[in-house]
């Protein structure tokens, strides 16, 4: 069994609905069982695990855009909008978690708090 060009040596089903996959010369990978079933194949593929996942998602998303009869030029704008959305969601979470205005505004005191033993005055 393969994911892209990576031959799977061992697959372990985890209790949380994920699988852990071992390869001969690459680090282990963990992914959802559902995603694994969509990107794994009995045949040798091309590219890395990331390439296989990206190809799957890009194909699904492109099919969705095509179902709305959208044109080629929409792809760039939508990918930029997705990147902006993820950035904004991450910044919202950072603001909430660190009580700050955003990732560039996290208190340095808060960042070094756990490092006091290493910090020499």
N, C-alpha and C. Protein backbone atom coordinates (compact mmCIF):
# COMPACT_ATOMS: atom_id res chain seq x y z
N UNK A 1 0.85 -1.17 0.00
CA UNK A 1 0.00 0.00 0.00
C UNK A 1 0.89 1.23 0.00
N UNK A 2 0.43 2.29 -0.66
CA UNK A 2 1.20 3.52 -0.84
C UNK A 2 0.35 4.75 -0.54
N UNK A 3 1.05 5.80 -0.20
CA UNK A 3 0.49 7.15 -0.26
C UNK A 3 1.49 7.92 -1.12
N UNK A 4 1.05 8.31 -2.31
CA UNK A 4 1.98 8.91 -3.26
C UNK A 4 3.06 7.90 -3.58
N UNK A 5 4.29 8.32 -3.47
CA UNK A 5 5.40 7.41 -3.74
C UNK A 5 5.96 6.76 -2.48
N UNK A 6 5.32 6.98 -1.36
CA UNK A 6 5.77 6.44 -0.08
C UNK A 6 5.10 5.09 0.19
N UNK A 7 5.93 4.06 0.32
CA UNK A 7 5.42 2.72 0.61
C UNK A 7 5.16 2.60 2.11
N UNK A 8 3.96 2.15 2.43
CA UNK A 8 3.56 1.99 3.83
C UNK A 8 4.06 0.63 4.32
N UNK A 9 4.82 0.65 5.39
CA UNK A 9 5.35 -0.57 5.99
C UNK A 9 4.37 -1.11 7.04
N UNK A 10 3.75 -0.19 7.78
CA UNK A 10 2.85 -0.60 8.86
C UNK A 10 1.79 0.48 9.08
N UNK A 11 0.56 0.05 9.34
CA UNK A 11 -0.54 0.97 9.64
C UNK A 11 -1.18 0.52 10.94
N UNK A 12 -1.34 1.45 11.87
CA UNK A 12 -1.97 1.16 13.16
C UNK A 12 -3.22 2.02 13.28
N UNK A 13 -4.37 1.39 13.53
CA UNK A 13 -5.61 2.11 13.77
C UNK A 13 -5.63 2.56 15.22
N UNK A 14 -5.82 3.85 15.44
CA UNK A 14 -5.86 4.41 16.78
C UNK A 14 -7.30 4.57 17.26
N UNK A 15 -7.47 4.61 18.56
CA UNK A 15 -8.81 4.71 19.15
C UNK A 15 -9.51 6.03 18.84
N UNK A 16 -8.75 7.06 18.51
CA UNK A 16 -9.35 8.38 18.27
C UNK A 16 -9.82 8.59 16.83
N UNK A 17 -9.85 7.52 16.04
CA UNK A 17 -10.31 7.63 14.65
C UNK A 17 -9.21 8.01 13.68
N UNK A 18 -7.97 7.95 14.14
CA UNK A 18 -6.84 8.25 13.27
C UNK A 18 -6.05 6.97 13.01
N UNK A 19 -5.09 7.07 12.10
CA UNK A 19 -4.17 5.97 11.85
C UNK A 19 -2.75 6.52 11.97
N UNK A 20 -1.86 5.67 12.42
CA UNK A 20 -0.44 5.99 12.43
C UNK A 20 0.21 5.10 11.38
N UNK A 21 0.96 5.73 10.48
CA UNK A 21 1.53 5.03 9.34
C UNK A 21 3.05 5.06 9.45
N UNK A 22 3.68 3.92 9.24
CA UNK A 22 5.14 3.83 9.27
C UNK A 22 5.65 3.57 7.86
N UNK A 23 6.80 4.16 7.57
CA UNK A 23 7.45 4.02 6.28
C UNK A 23 8.87 3.53 6.50
N UNK A 24 9.49 3.03 5.46
CA UNK A 24 10.84 2.49 5.59
C UNK A 24 11.85 3.56 6.01
N UNK A 25 11.88 4.69 5.30
CA UNK A 25 12.92 5.68 5.56
C UNK A 25 12.38 7.08 5.84
N UNK A 26 11.12 7.18 6.20
CA UNK A 26 10.53 8.47 6.52
C UNK A 26 9.93 8.40 7.92
N UNK A 27 9.75 9.57 8.56
CA UNK A 27 9.13 9.56 9.89
C UNK A 27 7.69 9.05 9.82
N UNK A 28 7.19 8.56 10.96
CA UNK A 28 5.80 8.15 11.05
C UNK A 28 4.89 9.33 10.75
N UNK A 29 3.70 9.02 10.27
CA UNK A 29 2.70 10.05 10.02
C UNK A 29 1.40 9.63 10.69
N UNK A 30 0.63 10.61 11.14
CA UNK A 30 -0.67 10.34 11.74
C UNK A 30 -1.70 11.16 10.98
N UNK A 31 -2.80 10.54 10.62
CA UNK A 31 -3.87 11.25 9.93
C UNK A 31 -5.19 10.58 10.23
N UNK A 32 -6.26 11.24 9.88
CA UNK A 32 -7.58 10.67 10.12
C UNK A 32 -7.75 9.42 9.25
N UNK A 33 -8.48 8.46 9.76
CA UNK A 33 -8.73 7.22 9.02
C UNK A 33 -9.45 7.50 7.70
N UNK A 34 -10.37 8.44 7.75
CA UNK A 34 -11.14 8.80 6.55
C UNK A 34 -10.21 9.36 5.47
N UNK A 35 -9.32 10.27 5.86
CA UNK A 35 -8.38 10.84 4.90
C UNK A 35 -7.45 9.75 4.37
N UNK A 36 -6.98 8.89 5.26
CA UNK A 36 -6.11 7.79 4.84
C UNK A 36 -6.77 6.94 3.76
N UNK A 37 -8.05 6.62 3.96
CA UNK A 37 -8.74 5.77 2.98
C UNK A 37 -8.86 6.46 1.62
N UNK A 38 -8.86 7.78 1.61
CA UNK A 38 -8.98 8.51 0.34
C UNK A 38 -7.65 8.72 -0.37
N UNK A 39 -6.54 8.76 0.37
CA UNK A 39 -5.24 9.05 -0.29
C UNK A 39 -4.36 7.81 -0.45
N UNK A 40 -4.69 6.72 0.21
CA UNK A 40 -3.86 5.51 0.09
C UNK A 40 -4.31 4.71 -1.13
N UNK A 41 -3.37 3.92 -1.66
CA UNK A 41 -3.64 3.15 -2.87
C UNK A 41 -2.77 1.91 -2.89
N UNK A 42 -3.21 0.91 -3.60
CA UNK A 42 -2.40 -0.29 -3.79
C UNK A 42 -1.27 -0.04 -4.80
N UNK A 43 -1.41 1.02 -5.59
CA UNK A 43 -0.43 1.33 -6.63
C UNK A 43 0.51 2.45 -6.18
N UNK A 44 1.74 2.36 -6.65
CA UNK A 44 2.72 3.41 -6.43
C UNK A 44 2.22 4.68 -7.10
N UNK A 45 2.22 5.77 -6.35
CA UNK A 45 1.79 7.05 -6.89
C UNK A 45 2.97 7.98 -7.10
N UNK A 46 2.67 9.27 -7.15
CA UNK A 46 3.72 10.27 -7.32
C UNK A 46 3.65 11.26 -6.16
N UNK A 47 4.80 11.76 -5.76
CA UNK A 47 4.87 12.81 -4.75
C UNK A 47 4.83 12.30 -3.32
N UNK A 48 4.84 13.26 -2.42
CA UNK A 48 4.88 12.98 -0.98
C UNK A 48 3.46 12.79 -0.44
N UNK A 49 3.37 12.55 0.86
CA UNK A 49 2.07 12.45 1.52
C UNK A 49 1.34 13.79 1.40
N UNK A 50 2.06 14.87 1.64
CA UNK A 50 1.46 16.20 1.52
C UNK A 50 0.94 16.43 0.11
N UNK A 51 1.72 16.02 -0.89
CA UNK A 51 1.27 16.16 -2.28
C UNK A 51 -0.02 15.39 -2.53
N UNK A 52 -0.11 14.18 -1.98
CA UNK A 52 -1.31 13.36 -2.18
C UNK A 52 -2.52 14.00 -1.52
N UNK A 53 -2.36 14.53 -0.31
CA UNK A 53 -3.46 15.19 0.39
C UNK A 53 -3.85 16.47 -0.36
N UNK A 54 -2.86 17.28 -0.76
CA UNK A 54 -3.15 18.50 -1.50
C UNK A 54 -3.89 18.19 -2.80
N UNK A 55 -3.46 17.16 -3.51
CA UNK A 55 -4.11 16.78 -4.76
C UNK A 55 -5.57 16.37 -4.52
N UNK A 56 -5.80 15.58 -3.50
CA UNK A 56 -7.16 15.16 -3.17
C UNK A 56 -8.05 16.37 -2.90
N UNK A 57 -7.61 17.25 -2.01
CA UNK A 57 -8.42 18.41 -1.64
C UNK A 57 -8.59 19.39 -2.79
N UNK A 58 -7.53 19.60 -3.55
CA UNK A 58 -7.62 20.50 -4.71
C UNK A 58 -8.60 19.96 -5.74
N UNK A 59 -8.57 18.65 -5.97
CA UNK A 59 -9.48 18.03 -6.93
C UNK A 59 -10.93 18.16 -6.46
N UNK A 60 -11.15 17.91 -5.18
CA UNK A 60 -12.51 18.03 -4.63
C UNK A 60 -13.00 19.48 -4.74
N UNK A 61 -12.14 20.43 -4.39
CA UNK A 61 -12.54 21.83 -4.41
C UNK A 61 -12.76 22.32 -5.83
N UNK A 62 -11.89 21.92 -6.74
CA UNK A 62 -12.04 22.30 -8.15
C UNK A 62 -13.34 21.76 -8.72
N UNK A 63 -13.68 20.55 -8.35
CA UNK A 63 -14.94 19.95 -8.79
C UNK A 63 -16.12 20.75 -8.27
N UNK A 64 -16.02 21.21 -7.02
CA UNK A 64 -17.07 22.04 -6.43
C UNK A 64 -17.22 23.35 -7.21
N UNK A 65 -16.10 24.00 -7.51
CA UNK A 65 -16.15 25.25 -8.28
C UNK A 65 -16.76 25.01 -9.66
N UNK A 66 -16.37 23.91 -10.29
CA UNK A 66 -16.90 23.59 -11.62
C UNK A 66 -18.41 23.36 -11.57
N UNK A 67 -18.91 22.81 -10.48
CA UNK A 67 -20.34 22.55 -10.37
C UNK A 67 -21.16 23.84 -10.35
N UNK A 68 -20.51 24.97 -10.01
CA UNK A 68 -21.17 26.27 -10.04
C UNK A 68 -20.89 27.01 -11.35
N UNK A 69 -20.26 26.34 -12.30
CA UNK A 69 -19.94 26.89 -13.62
C UNK A 69 -19.04 28.12 -13.52
N UNK A 70 -18.10 28.08 -12.56
CA UNK A 70 -17.17 29.19 -12.40
C UNK A 70 -16.01 29.06 -13.38
N UNK A 71 -15.32 30.14 -13.58
CA UNK A 71 -14.23 30.20 -14.56
C UNK A 71 -12.87 30.04 -13.89
N UNK A 72 -11.87 29.82 -14.71
CA UNK A 72 -10.49 29.59 -14.28
C UNK A 72 -9.98 30.67 -13.33
N UNK A 73 -10.26 31.93 -13.63
CA UNK A 73 -9.70 33.03 -12.85
C UNK A 73 -10.16 33.03 -11.39
N UNK A 74 -11.23 32.32 -11.06
CA UNK A 74 -11.74 32.29 -9.68
C UNK A 74 -10.79 31.57 -8.72
N UNK A 75 -9.98 30.66 -9.21
CA UNK A 75 -9.14 29.82 -8.35
C UNK A 75 -8.19 30.66 -7.51
N UNK A 76 -7.50 31.61 -8.14
CA UNK A 76 -6.54 32.44 -7.40
C UNK A 76 -7.22 33.26 -6.32
N UNK A 77 -8.33 33.89 -6.65
CA UNK A 77 -9.04 34.73 -5.68
C UNK A 77 -9.55 33.91 -4.50
N UNK A 78 -10.06 32.74 -4.78
CA UNK A 78 -10.59 31.89 -3.71
C UNK A 78 -9.48 31.37 -2.82
N UNK A 79 -8.33 31.00 -3.41
CA UNK A 79 -7.23 30.52 -2.57
C UNK A 79 -6.72 31.64 -1.68
N UNK A 80 -6.68 32.88 -2.18
CA UNK A 80 -6.27 34.02 -1.37
C UNK A 80 -7.29 34.27 -0.26
N UNK A 81 -8.57 34.16 -0.59
CA UNK A 81 -9.62 34.35 0.42
C UNK A 81 -9.54 33.28 1.50
N UNK A 82 -9.24 32.04 1.13
CA UNK A 82 -9.09 30.97 2.12
C UNK A 82 -7.89 31.24 3.02
N UNK A 83 -6.80 31.70 2.43
CA UNK A 83 -5.61 32.00 3.23
C UNK A 83 -5.90 33.14 4.20
N UNK A 84 -6.61 34.17 3.75
CA UNK A 84 -6.98 35.30 4.62
C UNK A 84 -7.90 34.84 5.74
N UNK A 85 -8.87 34.01 5.41
CA UNK A 85 -9.79 33.49 6.42
C UNK A 85 -9.04 32.70 7.50
N UNK A 86 -8.16 31.81 7.10
CA UNK A 86 -7.40 31.01 8.07
C UNK A 86 -6.52 31.92 8.93
N UNK A 87 -5.90 32.91 8.31
CA UNK A 87 -5.07 33.86 9.06
C UNK A 87 -5.92 34.58 10.11
N UNK A 88 -7.08 35.07 9.71
CA UNK A 88 -7.95 35.80 10.63
C UNK A 88 -8.45 34.91 11.76
N UNK A 89 -8.80 33.67 11.45
CA UNK A 89 -9.24 32.74 12.49
C UNK A 89 -8.12 32.46 13.49
N UNK A 90 -6.91 32.30 12.96
CA UNK A 90 -5.75 32.06 13.83
C UNK A 90 -5.48 33.27 14.72
N UNK A 91 -5.58 34.46 14.16
CA UNK A 91 -5.38 35.68 14.94
C UNK A 91 -6.45 35.83 16.02
N UNK A 92 -7.71 35.50 15.69
CA UNK A 92 -8.78 35.54 16.69
C UNK A 92 -8.47 34.60 17.86
N UNK A 93 -8.03 33.42 17.54
CA UNK A 93 -7.70 32.44 18.58
C UNK A 93 -6.51 32.93 19.42
N UNK A 94 -5.52 33.52 18.76
CA UNK A 94 -4.35 34.05 19.48
C UNK A 94 -4.78 35.17 20.42
N UNK A 95 -5.64 36.08 19.94
CA UNK A 95 -6.14 37.17 20.79
C UNK A 95 -6.83 36.63 22.03
N UNK A 96 -7.65 35.61 21.80
CA UNK A 96 -8.40 35.01 22.90
C UNK A 96 -7.48 34.28 23.88
N UNK A 97 -6.54 33.51 23.35
CA UNK A 97 -5.67 32.69 24.20
C UNK A 97 -4.66 33.52 24.99
N UNK A 98 -4.16 34.60 24.39
CA UNK A 98 -3.09 35.36 25.03
C UNK A 98 -3.51 36.76 25.47
N UNK A 99 -4.81 37.05 25.38
CA UNK A 99 -5.33 38.35 25.81
C UNK A 99 -4.51 39.49 25.22
N UNK A 100 -4.45 39.52 23.89
CA UNK A 100 -3.65 40.52 23.20
C UNK A 100 -4.35 40.92 21.91
N UNK A 101 -3.74 41.82 21.15
CA UNK A 101 -4.33 42.30 19.90
C UNK A 101 -4.07 41.35 18.73
N UNK A 102 -3.11 40.46 18.86
CA UNK A 102 -2.76 39.52 17.78
C UNK A 102 -1.40 38.91 18.04
N UNK A 103 -0.95 38.06 17.12
CA UNK A 103 0.29 37.30 17.36
C UNK A 103 1.52 38.19 17.50
N UNK A 104 1.51 39.38 16.90
CA UNK A 104 2.64 40.30 17.05
C UNK A 104 2.58 41.08 18.37
N UNK A 105 1.50 40.91 19.12
CA UNK A 105 1.28 41.68 20.34
C UNK A 105 1.33 40.82 21.61
N UNK A 106 1.78 39.56 21.50
CA UNK A 106 1.86 38.71 22.68
C UNK A 106 2.93 39.26 23.62
N UNK A 107 2.61 39.35 24.89
CA UNK A 107 3.53 39.88 25.89
C UNK A 107 4.81 39.04 25.96
N UNK A 108 5.94 39.69 25.89
CA UNK A 108 7.22 38.99 26.01
C UNK A 108 7.37 38.36 27.39
N UNK A 109 6.84 39.02 28.42
CA UNK A 109 6.87 38.44 29.77
C UNK A 109 6.16 37.10 29.78
N UNK A 110 5.02 37.03 29.08
CA UNK A 110 4.26 35.78 29.01
C UNK A 110 5.06 34.70 28.27
N UNK A 111 5.75 35.09 27.21
CA UNK A 111 6.52 34.12 26.43
C UNK A 111 7.70 33.54 27.20
N UNK A 112 8.36 34.35 28.01
CA UNK A 112 9.54 33.88 28.73
C UNK A 112 9.23 33.36 30.13
N UNK A 113 7.97 33.45 30.55
CA UNK A 113 7.58 33.04 31.89
C UNK A 113 8.06 31.63 32.24
N UNK A 114 7.91 30.70 31.36
CA UNK A 114 8.31 29.31 31.63
C UNK A 114 9.80 29.08 31.45
N UNK A 115 10.51 30.09 31.04
CA UNK A 115 11.94 29.96 30.78
C UNK A 115 12.80 30.61 31.84
N UNK A 116 12.25 30.97 32.98
CA UNK A 116 12.96 31.75 33.99
C UNK A 116 14.28 31.12 34.43
N UNK A 117 14.31 29.79 34.51
CA UNK A 117 15.56 29.15 34.93
C UNK A 117 16.68 29.37 33.92
N UNK A 118 16.30 29.49 32.66
CA UNK A 118 17.30 29.65 31.60
C UNK A 118 17.71 31.10 31.40
N UNK A 119 16.85 32.03 31.84
CA UNK A 119 17.12 33.45 31.64
C UNK A 119 17.97 33.96 32.80
N UNK A 120 19.13 34.50 32.47
CA UNK A 120 20.02 35.04 33.50
C UNK A 120 19.85 36.55 33.54
N UNK A 121 19.73 37.06 34.73
CA UNK A 121 19.53 38.51 34.89
C UNK A 121 20.85 39.21 34.98
